[in-house]
Every structure is written in structure tokens, then in C-alpha cells.
PDB file of N, CA and C in Angstrom:
ATOM      1  N   MET A   1     118.595  99.281  72.576  1.00  0.00           N
ATOM      2  CA  MET A   1     118.813  99.258  74.009  1.00  0.00           C
ATOM      3  C   MET A   1     119.407  97.896  74.356  1.00  0.00           C
ATOM      4  N   SER A   2     120.423  97.920  75.154  1.00  0.00           N
ATOM      5  CA  SER A   2     121.057  96.664  75.556  1.00  0.00           C
ATOM      6  C   SER A   2     120.132  95.891  76.495  1.00  0.00           C
ATOM      7  N   PRO A   3     120.298  94.588  76.576  1.00  0.00           N
ATOM      8  CA  PRO A   3     119.479  93.801  77.506  1.00  0.00           C
ATOM      9  C   PRO A   3     119.607  94.280  78.952  1.00  0.00           C
ATOM     10  N   ALA A   4     120.797  94.658  79.355  1.00  0.00           N
ATOM     11  CA  ALA A   4     120.995  95.137  80.733  1.00  0.00           C
ATOM     12  C   ALA A   4     120.244  96.448  80.964  1.00  0.00           C
ATOM     13  N   ALA A   5     120.315  97.354  80.000  1.00  0.00           N
ATOM     14  CA  ALA A   5     119.596  98.635  80.126  1.00  0.00           C
ATOM     15  C   ALA A   5     118.096  98.395  80.143  1.00  0.00           C
ATOM     16  N   ARG A   6     117.627  97.478  79.311  1.00  0.00           N
ATOM     17  CA  ARG A   6     116.201  97.152  79.290  1.00  0.00           C
ATOM     18  C   ARG A   6     115.741  96.616  80.643  1.00  0.00           C
ATOM     19  N   ARG A   7     116.534  95.744  81.249  1.00  0.00           N
ATOM     20  CA  ARG A   7     116.189  95.204  82.577  1.00  0.00           C
ATOM     21  C   ARG A   7     116.121  96.311  83.619  1.00  0.00           C
ATOM     22  N   ARG A   8     117.057  97.261  83.554  1.00  0.00           N
ATOM     23  CA  ARG A   8     117.046  98.382  84.514  1.00  0.00           C
ATOM     24  C   ARG A   8     115.808  99.252  84.341  1.00  0.00           C
ATOM     25  N   VAL A   9     115.439  99.532  83.097  1.00  0.00           N
ATOM     26  CA  VAL A   9     114.256 100.349  82.824  1.00  0.00           C
ATOM     27  C   VAL A   9     113.005  99.631  83.323  1.00  0.00           C
ATOM     28  N   LEU A  10     112.866  98.360  83.001  1.00  0.00           N
ATOM     29  CA  LEU A  10     111.699  97.603  83.453  1.00  0.00           C
ATOM     30  C   LEU A  10     111.624  97.547  84.970  1.00  0.00           C
ATOM     31  N   ALA A  11     112.763  97.330  85.614  1.00  0.00           N
ATOM     32  CA  ALA A  11     112.775  97.280  87.080  1.00  0.00           C
ATOM     33  C   ALA A  11     112.336  98.610  87.668  1.00  0.00           C
ATOM     34  N   SER A  12     112.786  99.722  87.092  1.00  0.00           N
ATOM     35  CA  SER A  12     112.407 101.032  87.636  1.00  0.00           C
ATOM     36  C   SER A  12     110.935 101.328  87.386  1.00  0.00           C
ATOM     37  N   LEU A  13     110.389 100.859  86.272  1.00  0.00           N
ATOM     38  CA  LEU A  13     108.963 101.073  86.009  1.00  0.00           C
ATOM     39  C   LEU A  13     108.092 100.296  86.979  1.00  0.00           C
ATOM     40  N   LEU A  14     108.553  99.122  87.393  1.00  0.00           N
ATOM     41  CA  LEU A  14     107.767  98.284  88.291  1.00  0.00           C
ATOM     42  C   LEU A  14     107.953  98.654  89.757  1.00  0.00           C
ATOM     43  N   ASP A  15     108.980  99.431  90.070  1.00  0.00           N
ATOM     44  CA  ASP A  15     109.275  99.770  91.463  1.00  0.00           C
ATOM     45  C   ASP A  15     108.295 100.815  91.991  1.00  0.00           C
ATOM     46  N   VAL A  16     107.568 100.454  93.022  1.00  0.00           N
ATOM     47  CA  VAL A  16     106.676 101.395  93.701  1.00  0.00           C
ATOM     48  C   VAL A  16     106.967 101.353  95.202  1.00  0.00           C
ATOM     49  N   SER A  17     108.250 101.251  95.512  1.00  0.00           N
ATOM     50  CA  SER A  17     108.643 101.114  96.911  1.00  0.00           C
ATOM     51  C   SER A  17     109.670 102.171  97.276  1.00  0.00           C
ATOM     52  N   GLU A  18     110.487 101.837  98.229  1.00  0.00           N
ATOM     53  CA  GLU A  18     111.440 102.799  98.777  1.00  0.00           C
ATOM     54  C   GLU A  18     112.437 103.321  97.747  1.00  0.00           C
ATOM     55  N   GLU A  19     112.828 102.489  96.770  1.00  0.00           N
ATOM     56  CA  GLU A  19     113.775 102.963  95.755  1.00  0.00           C
ATOM     57  C   GLU A  19     113.164 104.083  94.918  1.00  0.00           C
ATOM     58  N   ARG A  20     111.924 103.910  94.510  1.00  0.00           N
ATOM     59  CA  ARG A  20     111.266 104.966  93.718  1.00  0.00           C
ATOM     60  C   ARG A  20     111.096 106.224  94.560  1.00  0.00           C
ATOM     61  N   LEU A  21     110.686 106.046  95.806  1.00  0.00           N
ATOM     62  CA  LEU A  21     110.510 107.210  96.676  1.00  0.00           C
ATOM     63  C   LEU A  21     111.827 107.947  96.872  1.00  0.00           C
ATOM     64  N   ALA A  22     112.919 107.214  97.041  1.00  0.00           N
ATOM     65  CA  ALA A  22     114.242 107.846  97.191  1.00  0.00           C
ATOM     66  C   ALA A  22     114.616 108.597  95.917  1.00  0.00           C
ATOM     67  N   ALA A  23     114.349 108.012  94.761  1.00  0.00           N
ATOM     68  CA  ALA A  23     114.642 108.693  93.492  1.00  0.00           C
ATOM     69  C   ALA A  23     113.786 109.943  93.349  1.00  0.00           C
ATOM     70  N   MET A  24     112.523 109.860  93.742  1.00  0.00           N
ATOM     71  CA  MET A  24     111.664 111.033  93.701  1.00  0.00           C
ATOM     72  C   MET A  24     112.219 112.135  94.594  1.00  0.00           C
ATOM     73  N   ASP A  25     112.666 111.777  95.789  1.00  0.00           N
ATOM     74  CA  ASP A  25     113.245 112.757  96.702  1.00  0.00           C
ATOM     75  C   ASP A  25     114.494 113.402  96.103  1.00  0.00           C
ATOM     76  N   ARG A  26     115.360 112.581  95.508  1.00  0.00           N
ATOM     77  CA  ARG A  26     116.596 113.112  94.906  1.00  0.00           C
ATOM     78  C   ARG A  26     116.305 114.129  93.816  1.00  0.00           C
ATOM     79  N   HIS A  27     115.198 113.942  93.119  1.00  0.00           N
ATOM     80  CA  HIS A  27     114.874 114.814  91.991  1.00  0.00           C
ATOM     81  C   HIS A  27     113.806 115.852  92.310  1.00  0.00           C
ATOM     82  N   GLY A  28     113.439 115.956  93.580  1.00  0.00           N
ATOM     83  CA  GLY A  28     112.478 116.979  93.992  1.00  0.00           C
ATOM     84  C   GLY A  28     111.050 116.725  93.534  1.00  0.00           C
ATOM     85  N   ILE A  29     110.690 115.469  93.338  1.00  0.00           N
ATOM     86  CA  ILE A  29     109.339 115.122  92.904  1.00  0.00           C
ATOM     87  C   ILE A  29     108.510 114.800  94.135  1.00  0.00           C
ATOM     88  N   GLU A  30     107.460 115.553  94.352  1.00  0.00           N
ATOM     89  CA  GLU A  30     106.633 115.364  95.542  1.00  0.00           C
ATOM     90  C   GLU A  30     105.611 114.249  95.383  1.00  0.00           C
ATOM     91  N   ILE A  31     105.017 114.143  94.190  1.00  0.00           N
ATOM     92  CA  ILE A  31     103.981 113.134  93.979  1.00  0.00           C
ATOM     93  C   ILE A  31     104.106 112.579  92.566  1.00  0.00           C
ATOM     94  N   ALA A  32     103.838 111.286  92.434  1.00  0.00           N
ATOM     95  CA  ALA A  32     103.846 110.628  91.123  1.00  0.00           C
ATOM     96  C   ALA A  32     102.467 110.049  90.870  1.00  0.00           C
ATOM     97  N   VAL A  33     102.005 110.179  89.636  1.00  0.00           N
ATOM     98  CA  VAL A  33     100.734 109.595  89.232  1.00  0.00           C
ATOM     99  C   VAL A  33     101.057 108.278  88.531  1.00  0.00           C
ATOM    100  N   LEU A  34     100.522 107.192  89.072  1.00  0.00           N
ATOM    101  CA  LEU A  34     100.773 105.860  88.536  1.00  0.00           C
ATOM    102  C   LEU A  34      99.593 105.421  87.679  1.00  0.00           C
ATOM    103  N   SER A  35      99.895 104.703  86.604  1.00  0.00           N
ATOM    104  CA  SER A  35      98.834 104.163  85.748  1.00  0.00           C
ATOM    105  C   SER A  35      99.323 102.872  85.116  1.00  0.00           C
ATOM    106  N   LEU A  36      98.389 102.099  84.577  1.00  0.00           N
ATOM    107  CA  LEU A  36      98.718 100.854  83.902  1.00  0.00           C
ATOM    108  C   LEU A  36      99.414 101.182  82.595  1.00  0.00           C
ATOM    109  N   ALA A  37     100.510 100.500  82.334  1.00  0.00           N
ATOM    110  CA  ALA A  37     101.264 100.730  81.097  1.00  0.00           C
ATOM    111  C   ALA A  37     100.557 100.066  79.913  1.00  0.00           C
ATOM    112  N   ALA A  38     100.919 100.509  78.721  1.00  0.00           N
ATOM    113  CA  ALA A  38     100.356  99.905  77.508  1.00  0.00           C
ATOM    114  C   ALA A  38     100.733  98.430  77.492  1.00  0.00           C
ATOM    115  N   GLU A  39     100.028  97.576  77.041  1.00  0.00           N
ATOM    116  CA  GLU A  39      98.824  97.655  76.295  1.00  0.00           C
ATOM    117  C   GLU A  39      97.597  97.595  77.172  1.00  0.00           C
ATOM    118  N   GLY A  40      97.760  97.406  78.426  1.00  0.00           N
ATOM    119  CA  GLY A  40      96.641  97.450  79.348  1.00  0.00           C
ATOM    120  C   GLY A  40      95.545  96.467  79.003  1.00  0.00           C
ATOM    121  N   VAL A  41      94.310  96.851  79.253  1.00  0.00           N
ATOM    122  CA  VAL A  41      93.174  95.963  78.981  1.00  0.00           C
ATOM    123  C   VAL A  41      92.625  96.158  77.571  1.00  0.00           C
ATOM    124  N   GLN A  42      93.151  97.110  76.826  1.00  0.00           N
ATOM    125  CA  GLN A  42      92.639  97.390  75.489  1.00  0.00           C
ATOM    126  C   GLN A  42      92.824  96.207  74.543  1.00  0.00           C
ATOM    127  N   ALA A  43      93.837  95.386  74.778  1.00  0.00           N
ATOM    128  CA  ALA A  43      94.113  94.258  73.887  1.00  0.00           C
ATOM    129  C   ALA A  43      93.177  93.073  74.131  1.00  0.00           C
ATOM    130  N   GLU A  44      92.440  93.086  75.202  1.00  0.00           N
ATOM    131  CA  GLU A  44      91.532  91.976  75.538  1.00  0.00           C
ATOM    132  C   GLU A  44      90.269  92.084  74.690  1.00  0.00           C
ATOM    133  N   SER A  45      89.943  91.028  73.963  1.00  0.00           N
ATOM    134  CA  SER A  45      88.772  91.078  73.079  1.00  0.00           C
ATOM    135  C   SER A  45      87.461  90.798  73.803  1.00  0.00           C
ATOM    136  N   SER A  46      87.510  90.089  74.910  1.00  0.00           N
ATOM    137  CA  SER A  46      86.288  89.766  75.655  1.00  0.00           C
ATOM    138  C   SER A  46      85.934  90.905  76.606  1.00  0.00           C
ATOM    139  N   PRO A  47      84.762  91.521  76.433  1.00  0.00           N
ATOM    140  CA  PRO A  47      84.370  92.600  77.345  1.00  0.00           C
ATOM    141  C   PRO A  47      84.362  92.161  78.809  1.00  0.00           C
ATOM    142  N   ALA A  48      83.862  90.981  79.089  1.00  0.00           N
ATOM    143  CA  ALA A  48      83.807  90.515  80.487  1.00  0.00           C
ATOM    144  C   ALA A  48      85.206  90.365  81.075  1.00  0.00           C
ATOM    145  N   ARG A  49      86.125  89.787  80.306  1.00  0.00           N
ATOM    146  CA  ARG A  49      87.504  89.633  80.803  1.00  0.00           C
ATOM    147  C   ARG A  49      88.185  90.990  80.941  1.00  0.00           C
ATOM    148  N   ALA A  50      87.938  91.892  79.993  1.00  0.00           N
ATOM    149  CA  ALA A  50      88.539  93.228  80.070  1.00  0.00           C
ATOM    150  C   ALA A  50      88.074  93.965  81.320  1.00  0.00           C
ATOM    151  N   ILE A  51      86.789  93.875  81.612  1.00  0.00           N
ATOM    152  CA  ILE A  51      86.245  94.534  82.802  1.00  0.00           C
ATOM    153  C   ILE A  51      86.841  93.926  84.066  1.00  0.00           C
ATOM    154  N   ALA A  52      86.956  92.605  84.096  1.00  0.00           N
ATOM    155  CA  ALA A  52      87.558  91.939  85.261  1.00  0.00           C
ATOM    156  C   ALA A  52      89.023  92.323  85.410  1.00  0.00           C
ATOM    157  N   GLN A  53      89.763  92.378  84.300  1.00  0.00           N
ATOM    158  CA  GLN A  53      91.173  92.767  84.356  1.00  0.00           C
ATOM    159  C   GLN A  53      91.329  94.208  84.816  1.00  0.00           C
ATOM    160  N   ALA A  54      90.471  95.086  84.343  1.00  0.00           N
ATOM    161  CA  ALA A  54      90.526  96.489  84.760  1.00  0.00           C
ATOM    162  C   ALA A  54      90.253  96.608  86.253  1.00  0.00           C
ATOM    163  N   ALA A  55      89.260  95.867  86.731  1.00  0.00           N
ATOM    164  CA  ALA A  55      88.948  95.911  88.166  1.00  0.00           C
ATOM    165  C   ALA A  55      90.130  95.409  88.986  1.00  0.00           C
ATOM    166  N   GLY A  56      90.765  94.326  88.537  1.00  0.00           N
ATOM    167  CA  GLY A  56      91.937  93.807  89.244  1.00  0.00           C
ATOM    168  C   GLY A  56      93.092  94.791  89.248  1.00  0.00           C
ATOM    169  N   ALA A  57      93.341  95.419  88.102  1.00  0.00           N
ATOM    170  CA  ALA A  57      94.415  96.413  88.019  1.00  0.00           C
ATOM    171  C   ALA A  57      94.118  97.602  88.926  1.00  0.00           C
ATOM    172  N   ASN A  58      92.863  98.035  88.965  1.00  0.00           N
ATOM    173  CA  ASN A  58      92.489  99.170  89.810  1.00  0.00           C
ATOM    174  C   ASN A  58      92.617  98.829  91.292  1.00  0.00           C
ATOM    175  N   GLU A  59      92.294  97.597  91.655  1.00  0.00           N
ATOM    176  CA  GLU A  59      92.459  97.173  93.056  1.00  0.00           C
ATOM    177  C   GLU A  59      93.942  97.184  93.441  1.00  0.00           C
ATOM    178  N   ALA A  60      94.790  96.652  92.562  1.00  0.00           N
ATOM    179  CA  ALA A  60      96.233  96.634  92.834  1.00  0.00           C
ATOM    180  C   ALA A  60      96.768  98.061  92.946  1.00  0.00           C
ATOM    181  N   LEU A  61      96.327  98.932  92.057  1.00  0.00           N
ATOM    182  CA  LEU A  61      96.747 100.329  92.097  1.00  0.00           C
ATOM    183  C   LEU A  61      96.306 100.993  93.400  1.00  0.00           C
ATOM    184  N   ALA A  62      95.079 100.723  93.818  1.00  0.00           N
ATOM    185  CA  ALA A  62      94.572 101.313  95.059  1.00  0.00           C
ATOM    186  C   ALA A  62      95.409 100.868  96.259  1.00  0.00           C
ATOM    187  N   GLU A  63      95.839  99.616  96.269  1.00  0.00           N
ATOM    188  CA  GLU A  63      96.683  99.134  97.368  1.00  0.00           C
ATOM    189  C   GLU A  63      98.018  99.873  97.408  1.00  0.00           C
ATOM    190  N   ILE A  64      98.609 100.103  96.244  1.00  0.00           N
ATOM    191  CA  ILE A  64      99.880 100.826  96.176  1.00  0.00           C
ATOM    192  C   ILE A  64      99.698 102.260  96.660  1.00  0.00           C
ATOM    193  N   VAL A  65      98.669 102.926  96.160  1.00  0.00           N
ATOM    194  CA  VAL A  65      98.411 104.319  96.538  1.00  0.00           C
ATOM    195  C   VAL A  65      98.103 104.414  98.031  1.00  0.00           C
ATOM    196  N   ASP A  66      97.342 103.462  98.563  1.00  0.00           N
ATOM    197  CA  ASP A  66      97.008 103.471  99.998  1.00  0.00           C
ATOM    198  C   ASP A  66      98.249 103.414 100.879  1.00  0.00           C
ATOM    199  N   ARG A  67      99.281 102.699 100.421  1.00  0.00           N
ATOM    200  CA  ARG A  67     100.510 102.582 101.227  1.00  0.00           C
ATOM    201  C   ARG A  67     101.289 103.894 101.292  1.00  0.00           C
ATOM    202  N   HIS A  68     101.154 104.738 100.262  1.00  0.00           N
ATOM    203  CA  HIS A  68     101.921 105.994 100.200  1.00  0.00           C
ATOM    204  C   HIS A  68     101.029 107.111  99.664  1.00  0.00           C
ATOM    205  N   ARG A  69      99.921 107.362 100.340  1.00  0.00           N
ATOM    206  CA  ARG A  69      98.945 108.357  99.870  1.00  0.00           C
ATOM    207  C   ARG A  69      99.554 109.739  99.635  1.00  0.00           C
ATOM    208  N   GLU A  70     100.531 110.091 100.421  1.00  0.00           N
ATOM    209  CA  GLU A  70     101.124 111.425 100.284  1.00  0.00           C
ATOM    210  C   GLU A  70     102.080 111.522  99.098  1.00  0.00           C
ATOM    211  N   ARG A  71     102.452 110.391  98.502  1.00  0.00           N
ATOM    212  CA  ARG A  71     103.437 110.404  97.413  1.00  0.00           C
ATOM    213  C   ARG A  71     102.917 109.885  96.076  1.00  0.00           C
ATOM    214  N   PHE A  72     101.879 109.033  96.110  1.00  0.00           N
ATOM    215  CA  PHE A  72     101.370 108.442  94.873  1.00  0.00           C
ATOM    216  C   PHE A  72      99.895 108.754  94.688  1.00  0.00           C
ATOM    217  N   ALA A  73      99.526 109.014  93.453  1.00  0.00           N
ATOM    218  CA  ALA A  73      98.128 109.091  93.043  1.00  0.00           C
ATOM    219  C   ALA A  73      97.968 108.068  91.926  1.00  0.00           C
ATOM    220  N   GLY A  74      96.746 107.675  91.649  1.00  0.00           N
ATOM    221  CA  GLY A  74      96.543 106.652  90.631  1.00  0.00           C
ATOM    222  C   GLY A  74      95.559 107.077  89.571  1.00  0.00           C
ATOM    223  N   LEU A  75      95.820 106.645  88.351  1.00  0.00           N
ATOM    224  CA  LEU A  75      94.927 106.874  87.226  1.00  0.00           C
ATOM    225  C   LEU A  75      94.292 105.524  86.898  1.00  0.00           C
ATOM    226  N   ALA A  76      93.004 105.388  87.164  1.00  0.00           N
ATOM    227  CA  ALA A  76      92.314 104.106  87.017  1.00  0.00           C
ATOM    228  C   ALA A  76      92.228 103.663  85.563  1.00  0.00           C
ATOM    229  N   VAL A  77      92.079 102.360  85.394  1.00  0.00           N
ATOM    230  CA  VAL A  77      91.906 101.741  84.088  1.00  0.00           C
ATOM    231  C   VAL A  77      90.412 101.635  83.794  1.00  0.00           C
ATOM    232  N   VAL A  78      90.023 101.940  82.564  1.00  0.00           N
ATOM    233  CA  VAL A  78      88.634 101.795  82.139  1.00  0.00           C
ATOM    234  C   VAL A  78      88.612 100.838  80.952  1.00  0.00           C
ATOM    235  N   ALA A  79      87.793  99.813  81.044  1.00  0.00           N
ATOM    236  CA  ALA A  79      87.639  98.868  79.935  1.00  0.00           C
ATOM    237  C   ALA A  79      86.618  99.433  78.959  1.00  0.00           C
ATOM    238  N   LEU A  80      87.080  99.832  77.815  1.00  0.00           N
ATOM    239  CA  LEU A  80      86.192 100.464  76.833  1.00  0.00           C
ATOM    240  C   LEU A  80      85.517  99.461  75.908  1.00  0.00           C
ATOM    241  N   GLN A  81      85.750  98.179  76.114  1.00  0.00           N
ATOM    242  CA  GLN A  81      85.123  97.156  75.286  1.00  0.00           C
ATOM    243  C   GLN A  81      83.608  97.136  75.447  1.00  0.00           C
ATOM    244  N   ASP A  82      83.116  97.547  76.593  1.00  0.00           N
ATOM    245  CA  ASP A  82      81.675  97.596  76.845  1.00  0.00           C
ATOM    246  C   ASP A  82      81.368  98.949  77.483  1.00  0.00           C
ATOM    247  N   PRO A  83      81.090  99.960  76.659  1.00  0.00           N
ATOM    248  CA  PRO A  83      80.952 101.319  77.193  1.00  0.00           C
ATOM    249  C   PRO A  83      79.771 101.506  78.142  1.00  0.00           C
ATOM    250  N   ARG A  84      78.822 100.584  78.144  1.00  0.00           N
ATOM    251  CA  ARG A  84      77.678 100.722  79.054  1.00  0.00           C
ATOM    252  C   ARG A  84      77.982 100.229  80.459  1.00  0.00           C
ATOM    253  N   ARG A  85      79.053  99.450  80.584  1.00  0.00           N
ATOM    254  CA  ARG A  85      79.478  98.958  81.898  1.00  0.00           C
ATOM    255  C   ARG A  85      80.808  99.599  82.233  1.00  0.00           C
ATOM    256  N   ARG A  86      81.135  99.606  83.478  1.00  0.00           N
ATOM    257  CA  ARG A  86      82.442 100.096  83.885  1.00  0.00           C
ATOM    258  C   ARG A  86      82.937  99.231  85.024  1.00  0.00           C
ATOM    259  N   SER A  87      84.227  99.231  85.197  1.00  0.00           N
ATOM    260  CA  SER A  87      84.802  98.398  86.253  1.00  0.00           C
ATOM    261  C   SER A  87      84.944  99.237  87.512  1.00  0.00           C
ATOM    262  N   ARG A  88      84.074  99.008  88.453  1.00  0.00           N
ATOM    263  CA  ARG A  88      84.103  99.750  89.705  1.00  0.00           C
ATOM    264  C   ARG A  88      85.011  99.036  90.691  1.00  0.00           C
ATOM    265  N   SER A  89      85.808  99.806  91.391  1.00  0.00           N
ATOM    266  CA  SER A  89      86.686  99.212  92.391  1.00  0.00           C
ATOM    267  C   SER A  89      86.927 100.211  93.503  1.00  0.00           C
ATOM    268  N   SER A  90      87.648  99.786  94.504  1.00  0.00           N
ATOM    269  CA  SER A  90      87.910 100.664  95.644  1.00  0.00           C
ATOM    270  C   SER A  90      88.833 101.814  95.273  1.00  0.00           C
ATOM    271  N   SER A  91      89.431 101.785  94.076  1.00  0.00           N
ATOM    272  CA  SER A  91      90.281 102.899  93.673  1.00  0.00           C
ATOM    273  C   SER A  91      89.453 104.117  93.294  1.00  0.00           C
ATOM    274  N   GLU A  92      88.146 103.972  93.177  1.00  0.00           N
ATOM    275  CA  GLU A  92      87.259 105.098  92.882  1.00  0.00           C
ATOM    276  C   GLU A  92      86.869 105.772  94.183  1.00  0.00           C
ATOM    277  N   ARG A  93      87.789 106.471  94.761  1.00  0.00           N
ATOM    278  CA  ARG A  93      87.545 107.104  96.064  1.00  0.00           C
ATOM    279  C   ARG A  93      87.584 108.599  95.935  1.00  0.00           C
TER     280      ARG A  93
END
């Protein structure tokens, strides 16, 4: 992949605004499910940091979904480093 093509792909993956909504409309997509891309929190070796990172990612996701509830849904991040704990956030609605 050329550097220019890579930049375009990355920009489109990060876009959760009017450009993405316009592209969804052009292609007849009513709703998109957003989630954290790999490698996510799985690469974090510290359970406490992984849980904090997951909570932060879920909060950011909830803010995006809240702005366009009719068009976006979110798939929350779960930190599996400590299976007895979970990262609770406002995205669990």
C-alpha cells in the first residue's frame, strides 16, 4: 500500500463525523457499529492500566455514539487481563 493510500485509509477509520455519515448515506448504510481497533488494550501487561485504558476508550466511544445515536452503535472494550474485574463506564447503557 502506498503511503498516500495508507493515510487515506487511516483517516477514514478515524472519521466519526459528517464525512463518514455522508459515505454511509451514499452506500445505503443506516447504522455502523464502532469498536476499538487492534491491538486495543490486549497488549497492555498491567491489569490496572488495561482496565483504565478500556474505561477511557469506552467513555470516548460513548461520547461519539451519543452525538449520533441514530447512526452509530458501539462495541465496548473489555480488559481481559483481570477477569474478575471489568471496566465499567457510561457506555454500558
